[in-house]
Amino acid sequence: MSKDWIGNKAATFATLGASNHSKGEREVNDYYATEPKAVELLLEKEKFSSIILEPSCGEGHISQVLLNSGHAVKSSDLINRGFGEVKDFFEIDEFCGDIITNPPYKVALDFVKHSIAIIPEGNK
């Protein structure tokens, strides 16, 4: 891999306003809030159940957009950030709706696997 490609990759991230957070320390609990516009764009492209679980709600960035769009949202997080209830997602045995979240990166795959395990077939 050439150094030019690496430089171009960094420039691309900067242009997009994105970051891979590799130049500094990661946030202790892997908390990186979701830009509300991202959720608005998702809702323009995809239909979801009227009932949604947001198990990594943080300060409510995703949940608030969903609530404003008319969804019933059950918001929780392992850490109290002032929105939703404090609850461990991995202690939830079932959920009859869809799950929309931006989980901590270090456990993202575990979140996906658990999400699939607790929702009915055909849900998202």
PDB file of N, CA and C in Angstrom:
ATOM      1  N   MET A   1       0.855  -1.164   0.000  1.00  0.00           N
ATOM      2  CA  MET A   1       0.000   0.000   0.000  1.00  0.00           C
ATOM      3  C   MET A   1       0.903   1.229   0.000  1.00  0.00           C
ATOM      4  N   SER A   2       0.660   2.145  -0.895  1.00  0.00           N
ATOM      5  CA  SER A   2       1.506   3.332  -0.991  1.00  0.00           C
ATOM      6  C   SER A   2       1.100   4.375   0.038  1.00  0.00           C
ATOM      7  N   LYS A   3       2.064   5.238   0.367  1.00  0.00           N
ATOM      8  CA  LYS A   3       1.776   6.330   1.295  1.00  0.00           C
ATOM      9  C   LYS A   3       0.776   7.304   0.681  1.00  0.00           C
ATOM     10  N   ASP A   4       0.786   7.442  -0.658  1.00  0.00           N
ATOM     11  CA  ASP A   4      -0.168   8.334  -1.323  1.00  0.00           C
ATOM     12  C   ASP A   4      -1.591   7.890  -1.045  1.00  0.00           C
ATOM     13  N   TRP A   5      -1.835   6.574  -1.091  1.00  0.00           N
ATOM     14  CA  TRP A   5      -3.183   6.074  -0.844  1.00  0.00           C
ATOM     15  C   TRP A   5      -3.622   6.407   0.572  1.00  0.00           C
ATOM     16  N   ILE A   6      -2.708   6.243   1.530  1.00  0.00           N
ATOM     17  CA  ILE A   6      -3.044   6.542   2.919  1.00  0.00           C
ATOM     18  C   ILE A   6      -3.397   8.011   3.064  1.00  0.00           C
ATOM     19  N   GLY A   7      -2.611   8.887   2.462  1.00  0.00           N
ATOM     20  CA  GLY A   7      -2.900  10.315   2.509  1.00  0.00           C
ATOM     21  C   GLY A   7      -4.228  10.640   1.860  1.00  0.00           C
ATOM     22  N   ASN A   8      -4.515  10.003   0.734  1.00  0.00           N
ATOM     23  CA  ASN A   8      -5.788  10.237   0.060  1.00  0.00           C
ATOM     24  C   ASN A   8      -6.954   9.749   0.900  1.00  0.00           C
ATOM     25  N   LYS A   9      -6.768   8.630   1.584  1.00  0.00           N
ATOM     26  CA  LYS A   9      -7.822   8.094   2.448  1.00  0.00           C
ATOM     27  C   LYS A   9      -8.140   9.104   3.551  1.00  0.00           C
ATOM     28  N   ALA A  10      -7.116   9.673   4.168  1.00  0.00           N
ATOM     29  CA  ALA A  10      -7.334  10.660   5.227  1.00  0.00           C
ATOM     30  C   ALA A  10      -8.039  11.889   4.671  1.00  0.00           C
ATOM     31  N   ALA A  11      -7.639  12.310   3.474  1.00  0.00           N
ATOM     32  CA  ALA A  11      -8.271  13.479   2.853  1.00  0.00           C
ATOM     33  C   ALA A  11      -9.737  13.195   2.549  1.00  0.00           C
ATOM     34  N   THR A  12     -10.031  11.984   2.121  1.00  0.00           N
ATOM     35  CA  THR A  12     -11.414  11.608   1.834  1.00  0.00           C
ATOM     36  C   THR A  12     -12.254  11.681   3.096  1.00  0.00           C
ATOM     37  N   PHE A  13     -11.737  11.128   4.205  1.00  0.00           N
ATOM     38  CA  PHE A  13     -12.470  11.191   5.467  1.00  0.00           C
ATOM     39  C   PHE A  13     -12.705  12.638   5.882  1.00  0.00           C
ATOM     40  N   ALA A  14     -11.685  13.481   5.741  1.00  0.00           N
ATOM     41  CA  ALA A  14     -11.820  14.884   6.119  1.00  0.00           C
ATOM     42  C   ALA A  14     -12.859  15.581   5.262  1.00  0.00           C
ATOM     43  N   THR A  15     -12.864  15.283   3.958  1.00  0.00           N
ATOM     44  CA  THR A  15     -13.836  15.883   3.049  1.00  0.00           C
ATOM     45  C   THR A  15     -15.254  15.485   3.421  1.00  0.00           C
ATOM     46  N   LEU A  16     -15.441  14.239   3.804  1.00  0.00           N
ATOM     47  CA  LEU A  16     -16.764  13.738   4.174  1.00  0.00           C
ATOM     48  C   LEU A  16     -17.170  14.171   5.573  1.00  0.00           C
ATOM     49  N   GLY A  17     -16.247  14.743   6.305  1.00  0.00           N
ATOM     50  CA  GLY A  17     -16.549  15.108   7.691  1.00  0.00           C
ATOM     51  C   GLY A  17     -16.565  13.890   8.592  1.00  0.00           C
ATOM     52  N   ALA A  18     -15.925  12.822   8.144  1.00  0.00           N
ATOM     53  CA  ALA A  18     -15.906  11.579   8.906  1.00  0.00           C
ATOM     54  C   ALA A  18     -14.524  11.378   9.507  1.00  0.00           C
ATOM     55  N   SER A  19     -14.427  10.402  10.377  1.00  0.00           N
ATOM     56  CA  SER A  19     -13.149  10.119  11.005  1.00  0.00           C
ATOM     57  C   SER A  19     -13.081   8.654  11.376  1.00  0.00           C
ATOM     58  N   ASN A  20     -11.876   8.111  11.301  1.00  0.00           N
ATOM     59  CA  ASN A  20     -11.692   6.746  11.786  1.00  0.00           C
ATOM     60  C   ASN A  20     -11.112   6.764  13.196  1.00  0.00           C
ATOM     61  N   HIS A  21     -10.964   7.946  13.786  1.00  0.00           N
ATOM     62  CA  HIS A  21     -10.522   8.154  15.163  1.00  0.00           C
ATOM     63  C   HIS A  21      -9.177   7.496  15.451  1.00  0.00           C
ATOM     64  N   SER A  22      -8.332   7.329  14.430  1.00  0.00           N
ATOM     65  CA  SER A  22      -7.077   6.614  14.641  1.00  0.00           C
ATOM     66  C   SER A  22      -5.939   7.496  15.128  1.00  0.00           C
ATOM     67  N   LYS A  23      -6.086   8.815  15.105  1.00  0.00           N
ATOM     68  CA  LYS A  23      -4.978   9.686  15.481  1.00  0.00           C
ATOM     69  C   LYS A  23      -4.920   9.980  16.972  1.00  0.00           C
ATOM     70  N   GLY A  24      -5.895   9.548  17.719  1.00  0.00           N
ATOM     71  CA  GLY A  24      -5.882   9.838  19.142  1.00  0.00           C
ATOM     72  C   GLY A  24      -6.513   8.714  19.920  1.00  0.00           C
ATOM     73  N   GLU A  25      -6.702   8.977  21.175  1.00  0.00           N
ATOM     74  CA  GLU A  25      -7.338   8.001  22.050  1.00  0.00           C
ATOM     75  C   GLU A  25      -8.810   7.859  21.712  1.00  0.00           C
ATOM     76  N   ARG A  26      -9.296   6.627  21.765  1.00  0.00           N
ATOM     77  CA  ARG A  26     -10.724   6.387  21.582  1.00  0.00           C
ATOM     78  C   ARG A  26     -11.446   6.790  22.869  1.00  0.00           C
ATOM     79  N   GLU A  27     -12.683   7.194  22.733  1.00  0.00           N
ATOM     80  CA  GLU A  27     -13.508   7.514  23.890  1.00  0.00           C
ATOM     81  C   GLU A  27     -13.589   6.267  24.760  1.00  0.00           C
ATOM     82  N   VAL A  28     -13.471   6.424  26.050  1.00  0.00           N
ATOM     83  CA  VAL A  28     -13.365   5.298  26.981  1.00  0.00           C
ATOM     84  C   VAL A  28     -14.458   4.253  26.775  1.00  0.00           C
ATOM     85  N   ASN A  29     -15.691   4.665  26.632  1.00  0.00           N
ATOM     86  CA  ASN A  29     -16.799   3.717  26.478  1.00  0.00           C
ATOM     87  C   ASN A  29     -17.244   3.568  25.029  1.00  0.00           C
ATOM     88  N   ASP A  30     -16.390   3.982  24.096  1.00  0.00           N
ATOM     89  CA  ASP A  30     -16.683   3.856  22.662  1.00  0.00           C
ATOM     90  C   ASP A  30     -17.948   4.627  22.287  1.00  0.00           C
ATOM     91  N   TYR A  31     -18.153   5.779  22.904  1.00  0.00           N
ATOM     92  CA  TYR A  31     -19.351   6.576  22.641  1.00  0.00           C
ATOM     93  C   TYR A  31     -19.070   7.621  21.569  1.00  0.00           C
ATOM     94  N   TYR A  32     -19.718   7.450  20.438  1.00  0.00           N
ATOM     95  CA  TYR A  32     -19.638   8.396  19.332  1.00  0.00           C
ATOM     96  C   TYR A  32     -21.062   8.629  18.855  1.00  0.00           C
ATOM     97  N   ALA A  33     -21.606   9.795  19.154  1.00  0.00           N
ATOM     98  CA  ALA A  33     -23.006  10.099  18.863  1.00  0.00           C
ATOM     99  C   ALA A  33     -23.275  10.099  17.360  1.00  0.00           C
ATOM    100  N   THR A  34     -24.483   9.684  17.003  1.00  0.00           N
ATOM    101  CA  THR A  34     -24.917   9.648  15.610  1.00  0.00           C
ATOM    102  C   THR A  34     -25.479  11.000  15.205  1.00  0.00           C
ATOM    103  N   GLU A  35     -25.073  11.464  14.055  1.00  0.00           N
ATOM    104  CA  GLU A  35     -25.614  12.707  13.499  1.00  0.00           C
ATOM    105  C   GLU A  35     -27.084  12.465  13.155  1.00  0.00           C
ATOM    106  N   PRO A  36     -28.019  13.252  13.682  1.00  0.00           N
ATOM    107  CA  PRO A  36     -29.450  13.047  13.410  1.00  0.00           C
ATOM    108  C   PRO A  36     -29.781  12.984  11.912  1.00  0.00           C
ATOM    109  N   LYS A  37     -29.072  13.721  11.090  1.00  0.00           N
ATOM    110  CA  LYS A  37     -29.336  13.717   9.643  1.00  0.00           C
ATOM    111  C   LYS A  37     -29.171  12.309   9.064  1.00  0.00           C
ATOM    112  N   ALA A  38     -28.253  11.532   9.620  1.00  0.00           N
ATOM    113  CA  ALA A  38     -28.052  10.159   9.145  1.00  0.00           C
ATOM    114  C   ALA A  38     -29.313   9.324   9.341  1.00  0.00           C
ATOM    115  N   VAL A  39     -30.000   9.525  10.454  1.00  0.00           N
ATOM    116  CA  VAL A  39     -31.235   8.790  10.738  1.00  0.00           C
ATOM    117  C   VAL A  39     -32.349   9.271   9.808  1.00  0.00           C
ATOM    118  N   GLU A  40     -32.416  10.569   9.582  1.00  0.00           N
ATOM    119  CA  GLU A  40     -33.410  11.107   8.649  1.00  0.00           C
ATOM    120  C   GLU A  40     -33.229  10.511   7.256  1.00  0.00           C
ATOM    121  N   LEU A  41     -31.989  10.421   6.799  1.00  0.00           N
ATOM    122  CA  LEU A  41     -31.712   9.833   5.480  1.00  0.00           C
ATOM    123  C   LEU A  41     -32.061   8.348   5.455  1.00  0.00           C
ATOM    124  N   LEU A  42     -31.792   7.637   6.536  1.00  0.00           N
ATOM    125  CA  LEU A  42     -32.158   6.226   6.629  1.00  0.00           C
ATOM    126  C   LEU A  42     -33.666   6.055   6.500  1.00  0.00           C
ATOM    127  N   LEU A  43     -34.422   6.890   7.194  1.00  0.00           N
ATOM    128  CA  LEU A  43     -35.885   6.792   7.163  1.00  0.00           C
ATOM    129  C   LEU A  43     -36.458   7.125   5.782  1.00  0.00           C
ATOM    130  N   GLU A  44     -35.742   7.911   5.004  1.00  0.00           N
ATOM    131  CA  GLU A  44     -36.176   8.197   3.628  1.00  0.00           C
ATOM    132  C   GLU A  44     -36.037   6.969   2.737  1.00  0.00           C
ATOM    133  N   LYS A  45     -35.107   6.081   3.065  1.00  0.00           N
ATOM    134  CA  LYS A  45     -34.791   4.924   2.219  1.00  0.00           C
ATOM    135  C   LYS A  45     -35.401   3.612   2.687  1.00  0.00           C
ATOM    136  N   GLU A  46     -35.720   3.522   3.965  1.00  0.00           N
ATOM    137  CA  GLU A  46     -36.120   2.240   4.551  1.00  0.00           C
ATOM    138  C   GLU A  46     -37.349   2.411   5.427  1.00  0.00           C
ATOM    139  N   LYS A  47     -38.263   1.452   5.376  1.00  0.00           N
ATOM    140  CA  LYS A  47     -39.453   1.442   6.232  1.00  0.00           C
ATOM    141  C   LYS A  47     -39.186   0.556   7.438  1.00  0.00           C
ATOM    142  N   PHE A  48     -39.654   1.005   8.594  1.00  0.00           N
ATOM    143  CA  PHE A  48     -39.458   0.261   9.835  1.00  0.00           C
ATOM    144  C   PHE A  48     -40.781   0.067  10.547  1.00  0.00           C
ATOM    145  N   SER A  49     -40.788  -0.868  11.472  1.00  0.00           N
ATOM    146  CA  SER A  49     -41.933  -1.111  12.333  1.00  0.00           C
ATOM    147  C   SER A  49     -42.265   0.181  13.081  1.00  0.00           C
ATOM    148  N   SER A  50     -43.481   0.285  13.548  1.00  0.00           N
ATOM    149  CA  SER A  50     -43.848   1.474  14.327  1.00  0.00           C
ATOM    150  C   SER A  50     -43.222   1.432  15.721  1.00  0.00           C
ATOM    151  N   ILE A  51     -42.754   0.245  16.129  1.00  0.00           N
ATOM    152  CA  ILE A  51     -42.125   0.070  17.443  1.00  0.00           C
ATOM    153  C   ILE A  51     -40.641  -0.233  17.243  1.00  0.00           C
ATOM    154  N   ILE A  52     -39.795   0.589  17.848  1.00  0.00           N
ATOM    155  CA  ILE A  52     -38.346   0.462  17.645  1.00  0.00           C
ATOM    156  C   ILE A  52     -37.622   0.455  18.988  1.00  0.00           C
ATOM    157  N   LEU A  53     -36.626  -0.402  19.069  1.00  0.00           N
ATOM    158  CA  LEU A  53     -35.732  -0.444  20.216  1.00  0.00           C
ATOM    159  C   LEU A  53     -34.432   0.255  19.830  1.00  0.00           C
ATOM    160  N   GLU A  54     -33.980   1.190  20.661  1.00  0.00           N
ATOM    161  CA  GLU A  54     -32.681   1.843  20.490  1.00  0.00           C
ATOM    162  C   GLU A  54     -31.886   1.560  21.758  1.00  0.00           C
ATOM    163  N   PRO A  55     -31.095   0.454  21.763  1.00  0.00           N
ATOM    164  CA  PRO A  55     -30.430   0.007  22.987  1.00  0.00           C
ATOM    165  C   PRO A  55     -29.096   0.671  23.312  1.00  0.00           C
ATOM    166  N   SER A  56     -28.651   1.602  22.483  1.00  0.00           N
ATOM    167  CA  SER A  56     -27.432   2.375  22.755  1.00  0.00           C
ATOM    168  C   SER A  56     -27.761   3.843  22.538  1.00  0.00           C
ATOM    169  N   CYS A  57     -28.763   4.314  23.260  1.00  0.00           N
ATOM    170  CA  CYS A  57     -29.358   5.622  22.946  1.00  0.00           C
ATOM    171  C   CYS A  57     -28.495   6.819  23.280  1.00  0.00           C
ATOM    172  N   GLY A  58     -27.503   6.659  24.130  1.00  0.00           N
ATOM    173  CA  GLY A  58     -26.654   7.801  24.460  1.00  0.00           C
ATOM    174  C   GLY A  58     -27.467   9.000  24.899  1.00  0.00           C
ATOM    175  N   GLU A  59     -27.318  10.104  24.197  1.00  0.00           N
ATOM    176  CA  GLU A  59     -28.042  11.330  24.517  1.00  0.00           C
ATOM    177  C   GLU A  59     -29.340  11.455  23.728  1.00  0.00           C
ATOM    178  N   GLY A  60     -29.709  10.408  22.977  1.00  0.00           N
ATOM    179  CA  GLY A  60     -30.998  10.380  22.294  1.00  0.00           C
ATOM    180  C   GLY A  60     -30.995  10.858  20.852  1.00  0.00           C
ATOM    181  N   HIS A  61     -29.843  10.960  20.229  1.00  0.00           N
ATOM    182  CA  HIS A  61     -29.774  11.477  18.862  1.00  0.00           C
ATOM    183  C   HIS A  61     -30.611  10.654  17.870  1.00  0.00           C
ATOM    184  N   ILE A  62     -30.488   9.342  17.911  1.00  0.00           N
ATOM    185  CA  ILE A  62     -31.270   8.473  17.018  1.00  0.00           C
ATOM    186  C   ILE A  62     -32.721   8.438  17.484  1.00  0.00           C
ATOM    187  N   SER A  63     -32.924   8.213  18.763  1.00  0.00           N
ATOM    188  CA  SER A  63     -34.274   8.084  19.317  1.00  0.00           C
ATOM    189  C   SER A  63     -35.138   9.303  19.032  1.00  0.00           C
ATOM    190  N   GLN A  64     -34.571  10.483  19.175  1.00  0.00           N
ATOM    191  CA  GLN A  64     -35.359  11.703  18.996  1.00  0.00           C
ATOM    192  C   GLN A  64     -35.862  11.836  17.562  1.00  0.00           C
ATOM    193  N   VAL A  65     -35.028  11.499  16.589  1.00  0.00           N
ATOM    194  CA  VAL A  65     -35.465  11.542  15.186  1.00  0.00           C
ATOM    195  C   VAL A  65     -36.584  10.536  14.961  1.00  0.00           C
ATOM    196  N   LEU A  66     -36.442   9.343  15.531  1.00  0.00           N
ATOM    197  CA  LEU A  66     -37.474   8.312  15.380  1.00  0.00           C
ATOM    198  C   LEU A  66     -38.774   8.748  16.041  1.00  0.00           C
ATOM    199  N   LEU A  67     -38.683   9.315  17.233  1.00  0.00           N
ATOM    200  CA  LEU A  67     -39.881   9.821  17.912  1.00  0.00           C
ATOM    201  C   LEU A  67     -40.554  10.926  17.093  1.00  0.00           C
ATOM    202  N   ASN A  68     -39.765  11.834  16.555  1.00  0.00           N
ATOM    203  CA  ASN A  68     -40.298  12.925  15.733  1.00  0.00           C
ATOM    204  C   ASN A  68     -40.940  12.417  14.447  1.00  0.00           C
ATOM    205  N   SER A  69     -40.550  11.204  14.033  1.00  0.00           N
ATOM    206  CA  SER A  69     -41.113  10.591  12.824  1.00  0.00           C
ATOM    207  C   SER A  69     -42.335   9.735  13.131  1.00  0.00           C
ATOM    208  N   GLY A  70     -42.782   9.725  14.386  1.00  0.00           N
ATOM    209  CA  GLY A  70     -43.994   9.014  14.754  1.00  0.00           C
ATOM    210  C   GLY A  70     -43.807   7.593  15.242  1.00  0.00           C
ATOM    211  N   HIS A  71     -42.587   7.160  15.465  1.00  0.00           N
ATOM    212  CA  HIS A  71     -42.338   5.811  15.967  1.00  0.00           C
ATOM    213  C   HIS A  71     -42.439   5.783  17.490  1.00  0.00           C
ATOM    214  N   ALA A  72     -42.850   4.649  18.007  1.00  0.00           N
ATOM    215  CA  ALA A  72     -42.777   4.407  19.453  1.00  0.00           C
ATOM    216  C   ALA A  72     -41.390   3.836  19.700  1.00  0.00           C
ATOM    217  N   VAL A  73     -40.601   4.492  20.529  1.00  0.00           N
ATOM    218  CA  VAL A  73     -39.203   4.101  20.704  1.00  0.00           C
ATOM    219  C   VAL A  73     -38.925   3.752  22.159  1.00  0.00           C
ATOM    220  N   LYS A  74     -38.339   2.583  22.368  1.00  0.00           N
ATOM    221  CA  LYS A  74     -37.872   2.171  23.687  1.00  0.00           C
ATOM    222  C   LYS A  74     -36.373   2.422  23.694  1.00  0.00           C
ATOM    223  N   SER A  75     -35.961   3.437  24.438  1.00  0.00           N
ATOM    224  CA  SER A  75     -34.562   3.873  24.455  1.00  0.00           C
ATOM    225  C   SER A  75     -33.876   3.452  25.740  1.00  0.00           C
ATOM    226  N   SER A  76     -32.685   2.879  25.599  1.00  0.00           N
ATOM    227  CA  SER A  76     -31.906   2.495  26.769  1.00  0.00           C
ATOM    228  C   SER A  76     -30.427   2.546  26.429  1.00  0.00           C
ATOM    229  N   ASP A  77     -29.616   2.500  27.468  1.00  0.00           N
ATOM    230  CA  ASP A  77     -28.164   2.486  27.297  1.00  0.00           C
ATOM    231  C   ASP A  77     -27.557   1.906  28.561  1.00  0.00           C
ATOM    232  N   LEU A  78     -26.396   1.352  28.448  1.00  0.00           N
ATOM    233  CA  LEU A  78     -25.689   0.790  29.593  1.00  0.00           C
ATOM    234  C   LEU A  78     -25.208   1.903  30.530  1.00  0.00           C
ATOM    235  N   ILE A  79     -24.974   3.087  29.954  1.00  0.00           N
ATOM    236  CA  ILE A  79     -24.481   4.237  30.716  1.00  0.00           C
ATOM    237  C   ILE A  79     -25.519   5.349  30.661  1.00  0.00           C
ATOM    238  N   ASN A  80     -25.790   5.967  31.775  1.00  0.00           N
ATOM    239  CA  ASN A  80     -26.750   7.065  31.821  1.00  0.00           C
ATOM    240  C   ASN A  80     -26.127   8.316  31.206  1.00  0.00           C
ATOM    241  N   ARG A  81     -26.651   8.716  30.059  1.00  0.00           N
ATOM    242  CA  ARG A  81     -26.201   9.940  29.397  1.00  0.00           C
ATOM    243  C   ARG A  81     -27.343  10.957  29.331  1.00  0.00           C
ATOM    244  N   GLY A  82     -28.366  10.739  30.173  1.00  0.00           N
ATOM    245  CA  GLY A  82     -29.455  11.697  30.281  1.00  0.00           C
ATOM    246  C   GLY A  82     -30.637  11.424  29.372  1.00  0.00           C
ATOM    247  N   PHE A  83     -30.667  10.259  28.714  1.00  0.00           N
ATOM    248  CA  PHE A  83     -31.788   9.938  27.833  1.00  0.00           C
ATOM    249  C   PHE A  83     -32.056   8.441  27.939  1.00  0.00           C
ATOM    250  N   GLY A  84     -33.310   8.062  28.050  1.00  0.00           N
ATOM    251  CA  GLY A  84     -33.674   6.649  28.120  1.00  0.00           C
ATOM    252  C   GLY A  84     -33.360   6.042  29.478  1.00  0.00           C
ATOM    253  N   GLU A  85     -33.621   4.750  29.572  1.00  0.00           N
ATOM    254  CA  GLU A  85     -33.362   4.055  30.834  1.00  0.00           C
ATOM    255  C   GLU A  85     -32.003   3.364  30.786  1.00  0.00           C
ATOM    256  N   VAL A  86     -31.451   3.100  31.954  1.00  0.00           N
ATOM    257  CA  VAL A  86     -30.184   2.384  32.046  1.00  0.00           C
ATOM    258  C   VAL A  86     -30.503   0.895  32.034  1.00  0.00           C
ATOM    259  N   LYS A  87     -29.999   0.214  31.004  1.00  0.00           N
ATOM    260  CA  LYS A  87     -30.288  -1.206  30.848  1.00  0.00           C
ATOM    261  C   LYS A  87     -29.214  -1.847  29.980  1.00  0.00           C
ATOM    262  N   ASP A  88     -28.870  -3.081  30.293  1.00  0.00           N
ATOM    263  CA  ASP A  88     -27.910  -3.855  29.511  1.00  0.00           C
ATOM    264  C   ASP A  88     -28.650  -4.536  28.363  1.00  0.00           C
ATOM    265  N   PHE A  89     -28.335  -4.179  27.148  1.00  0.00           N
ATOM    266  CA  PHE A  89     -28.981  -4.734  25.960  1.00  0.00           C
ATOM    267  C   PHE A  89     -28.927  -6.258  25.948  1.00  0.00           C
ATOM    268  N   PHE A  90     -27.839  -6.815  26.415  1.00  0.00           N
ATOM    269  CA  PHE A  90     -27.665  -8.263  26.360  1.00  0.00           C
ATOM    270  C   PHE A  90     -28.506  -9.015  27.389  1.00  0.00           C
ATOM    271  N   GLU A  91     -29.227  -8.288  28.229  1.00  0.00           N
ATOM    272  CA  GLU A  91     -30.166  -8.916  29.163  1.00  0.00           C
ATOM    273  C   GLU A  91     -31.590  -8.939  28.611  1.00  0.00           C
ATOM    274  N   ILE A  92     -31.800  -8.382  27.428  1.00  0.00           N
ATOM    275  CA  ILE A  92     -33.121  -8.395  26.785  1.00  0.00           C
ATOM    276  C   ILE A  92     -33.265  -9.714  26.038  1.00  0.00           C
ATOM    277  N   ASP A  93     -34.326 -10.456  26.348  1.00  0.00           N
ATOM    278  CA  ASP A  93     -34.532 -11.785  25.761  1.00  0.00           C
ATOM    279  C   ASP A  93     -35.332 -11.769  24.465  1.00  0.00           C
ATOM    280  N   GLU A  94     -36.218 -10.777  24.307  1.00  0.00           N
ATOM    281  CA  GLU A  94     -37.005 -10.681  23.083  1.00  0.00           C
ATOM    282  C   GLU A  94     -37.517  -9.261  22.906  1.00  0.00           C
ATOM    283  N   PHE A  95     -37.766  -8.908  21.648  1.00  0.00           N
ATOM    284  CA  PHE A  95     -38.325  -7.604  21.324  1.00  0.00           C
ATOM    285  C   PHE A  95     -39.162  -7.754  20.069  1.00  0.00           C
ATOM    286  N   CYS A  96     -40.414  -7.321  20.130  1.00  0.00           N
ATOM    287  CA  CYS A  96     -41.322  -7.448  18.982  1.00  0.00           C
ATOM    288  C   CYS A  96     -41.390  -6.122  18.227  1.00  0.00           C
ATOM    289  N   GLY A  97     -40.359  -5.813  17.516  1.00  0.00           N
ATOM    290  CA  GLY A  97     -40.273  -4.609  16.711  1.00  0.00           C
ATOM    291  C   GLY A  97     -38.959  -4.630  15.971  1.00  0.00           C
ATOM    292  N   ASP A  98     -38.511  -3.471  15.529  1.00  0.00           N
ATOM    293  CA  ASP A  98     -37.227  -3.353  14.855  1.00  0.00           C
ATOM    294  C   ASP A  98     -36.215  -2.731  15.816  1.00  0.00           C
ATOM    295  N   ILE A  99     -34.936  -2.907  15.508  1.00  0.00           N
ATOM    296  CA  ILE A  99     -33.869  -2.337  16.320  1.00  0.00           C
ATOM    297  C   ILE A  99     -33.037  -1.427  15.428  1.00  0.00           C
ATOM    298  N   ILE A 100     -32.898  -0.184  15.871  1.00  0.00           N
ATOM    299  CA  ILE A 100     -32.037   0.777  15.176  1.00  0.00           C
ATOM    300  C   ILE A 100     -31.103   1.341  16.230  1.00  0.00           C
ATOM    301  N   THR A 101     -29.793   1.216  15.992  1.00  0.00           N
ATOM    302  CA  THR A 101     -28.825   1.664  16.986  1.00  0.00           C
ATOM    303  C   THR A 101     -27.467   1.910  16.359  1.00  0.00           C
ATOM    304  N   ASN A 102     -26.630   2.600  17.081  1.00  0.00           N
ATOM    305  CA  ASN A 102     -25.225   2.780  16.749  1.00  0.00           C
ATOM    306  C   ASN A 102     -24.462   2.295  17.972  1.00  0.00           C
ATOM    307  N   PRO A 103     -24.176   0.993  18.025  1.00  0.00           N
ATOM    308  CA  PRO A 103     -23.578   0.423  19.239  1.00  0.00           C
ATOM    309  C   PRO A 103     -22.107   0.807  19.381  1.00  0.00           C
ATOM    310  N   PRO A 104     -21.565   0.568  20.569  1.00  0.00           N
ATOM    311  CA  PRO A 104     -20.119   0.754  20.730  1.00  0.00           C
ATOM    312  C   PRO A 104     -19.386  -0.126  19.717  1.00  0.00           C
ATOM    313  N   TYR A 105     -18.420   0.434  19.025  1.00  0.00           N
ATOM    314  CA  TYR A 105     -17.738  -0.289  17.947  1.00  0.00           C
ATOM    315  C   TYR A 105     -17.119  -1.597  18.410  1.00  0.00           C
ATOM    316  N   LYS A 106     -16.590  -1.591  19.630  1.00  0.00           N
ATOM    317  CA  LYS A 106     -15.889  -2.788  20.099  1.00  0.00           C
ATOM    318  C   LYS A 106     -16.813  -3.983  20.320  1.00  0.00           C
ATOM    319  N   VAL A 107     -18.131  -3.757  20.394  1.00  0.00           N
ATOM    320  CA  VAL A 107     -19.073  -4.863  20.562  1.00  0.00           C
ATOM    321  C   VAL A 107     -20.149  -4.857  19.460  1.00  0.00           C
ATOM    322  N   ALA A 108     -19.870  -4.214  18.350  1.00  0.00           N
ATOM    323  CA  ALA A 108     -20.861  -4.082  17.280  1.00  0.00           C
ATOM    324  C   ALA A 108     -21.329  -5.444  16.755  1.00  0.00           C
ATOM    325  N   LEU A 109     -20.420  -6.371  16.523  1.00  0.00           N
ATOM    326  CA  LEU A 109     -20.814  -7.686  16.022  1.00  0.00           C
ATOM    327  C   LEU A 109     -21.692  -8.411  17.037  1.00  0.00           C
ATOM    328  N   ASP A 110     -21.361  -8.312  18.310  1.00  0.00           N
ATOM    329  CA  ASP A 110     -22.188  -8.923  19.351  1.00  0.00           C
ATOM    330  C   ASP A 110     -23.592  -8.312  19.346  1.00  0.00           C
ATOM    331  N   PHE A 111     -23.685  -6.998  19.122  1.00  0.00           N
ATOM    332  CA  PHE A 111     -24.984  -6.324  19.046  1.00  0.00           C
ATOM    333  C   PHE A 111     -25.797  -6.871  17.874  1.00  0.00           C
ATOM    334  N   VAL A 112     -25.167  -7.043  16.738  1.00  0.00           N
ATOM    335  CA  VAL A 112     -25.877  -7.559  15.563  1.00  0.00           C
ATOM    336  C   VAL A 112     -26.393  -8.966  15.842  1.00  0.00           C
ATOM    337  N   LYS A 113     -25.544  -9.823  16.358  1.00  0.00           N
ATOM    338  CA  LYS A 113     -25.948 -11.206  16.649  1.00  0.00           C
ATOM    339  C   LYS A 113     -27.090 -11.247  17.664  1.00  0.00           C
ATOM    340  N   HIS A 114     -26.978 -10.456  18.712  1.00  0.00           N
ATOM    341  CA  HIS A 114     -28.030 -10.453  19.741  1.00  0.00           C
ATOM    342  C   HIS A 114     -29.334  -9.878  19.176  1.00  0.00           C
ATOM    343  N   SER A 115     -29.215  -8.836  18.371  1.00  0.00           N
ATOM    344  CA  SER A 115     -30.410  -8.236  17.755  1.00  0.00           C
ATOM    345  C   SER A 115     -31.177  -9.270  16.944  1.00  0.00           C
ATOM    346  N   ILE A 116     -30.460 -10.004  16.113  1.00  0.00           N
ATOM    347  CA  ILE A 116     -31.095 -11.024  15.278  1.00  0.00           C
ATOM    348  C   ILE A 116     -31.751 -12.098  16.146  1.00  0.00           C
ATOM    349  N   ALA A 117     -31.124 -12.415  17.255  1.00  0.00           N
ATOM    350  CA  ALA A 117     -31.637 -13.475  18.139  1.00  0.00           C
ATOM    351  C   ALA A 117     -32.911 -13.079  18.881  1.00  0.00           C
ATOM    352  N   ILE A 118     -33.123 -11.775  19.120  1.00  0.00           N
ATOM    353  CA  ILE A 118     -34.256 -11.382  19.978  1.00  0.00           C
ATOM    354  C   ILE A 118     -35.456 -10.829  19.234  1.00  0.00           C
ATOM    355  N   ILE A 119     -35.367 -10.614  17.929  1.00  0.00           N
ATOM    356  CA  ILE A 119     -36.515 -10.094  17.175  1.00  0.00           C
ATOM    357  C   ILE A 119     -37.145 -11.198  16.343  1.00  0.00           C
ATOM    358  N   PRO A 120     -38.438 -11.057  16.043  1.00  0.00           N
ATOM    359  CA  PRO A 120     -39.089 -12.071  15.201  1.00  0.00           C
ATOM    360  C   PRO A 120     -38.506 -12.085  13.790  1.00  0.00           C
ATOM    361  N   GLU A 121     -38.563 -13.235  13.160  1.00  0.00           N
ATOM    362  CA  GLU A 121     -38.099 -13.338  11.783  1.00  0.00           C
ATOM    363  C   GLU A 121     -38.866 -12.340  10.912  1.00  0.00           C
ATOM    364  N   GLY A 122     -38.146 -11.658  10.047  1.00  0.00           N
ATOM    365  CA  GLY A 122     -38.746 -10.649   9.179  1.00  0.00           C
ATOM    366  C   GLY A 122     -38.615  -9.240   9.702  1.00  0.00           C
ATOM    367  N   ASN A 123     -38.294  -9.100  10.986  1.00  0.00           N
ATOM    368  CA  ASN A 123     -38.062  -7.762  11.534  1.00  0.00           C
ATOM    369  C   ASN A 123     -36.620  -7.337  11.248  1.00  0.00           C
ATOM    370  N   LYS A 124     -36.363  -6.059  11.468  1.00  0.00           N
ATOM    371  CA  LYS A 124     -35.034  -5.512  11.152  1.00  0.00           C
ATOM    372  C   LYS A 124     -34.327  -5.130  12.432  1.00  0.00           C
TER     373      LYS A 124
END
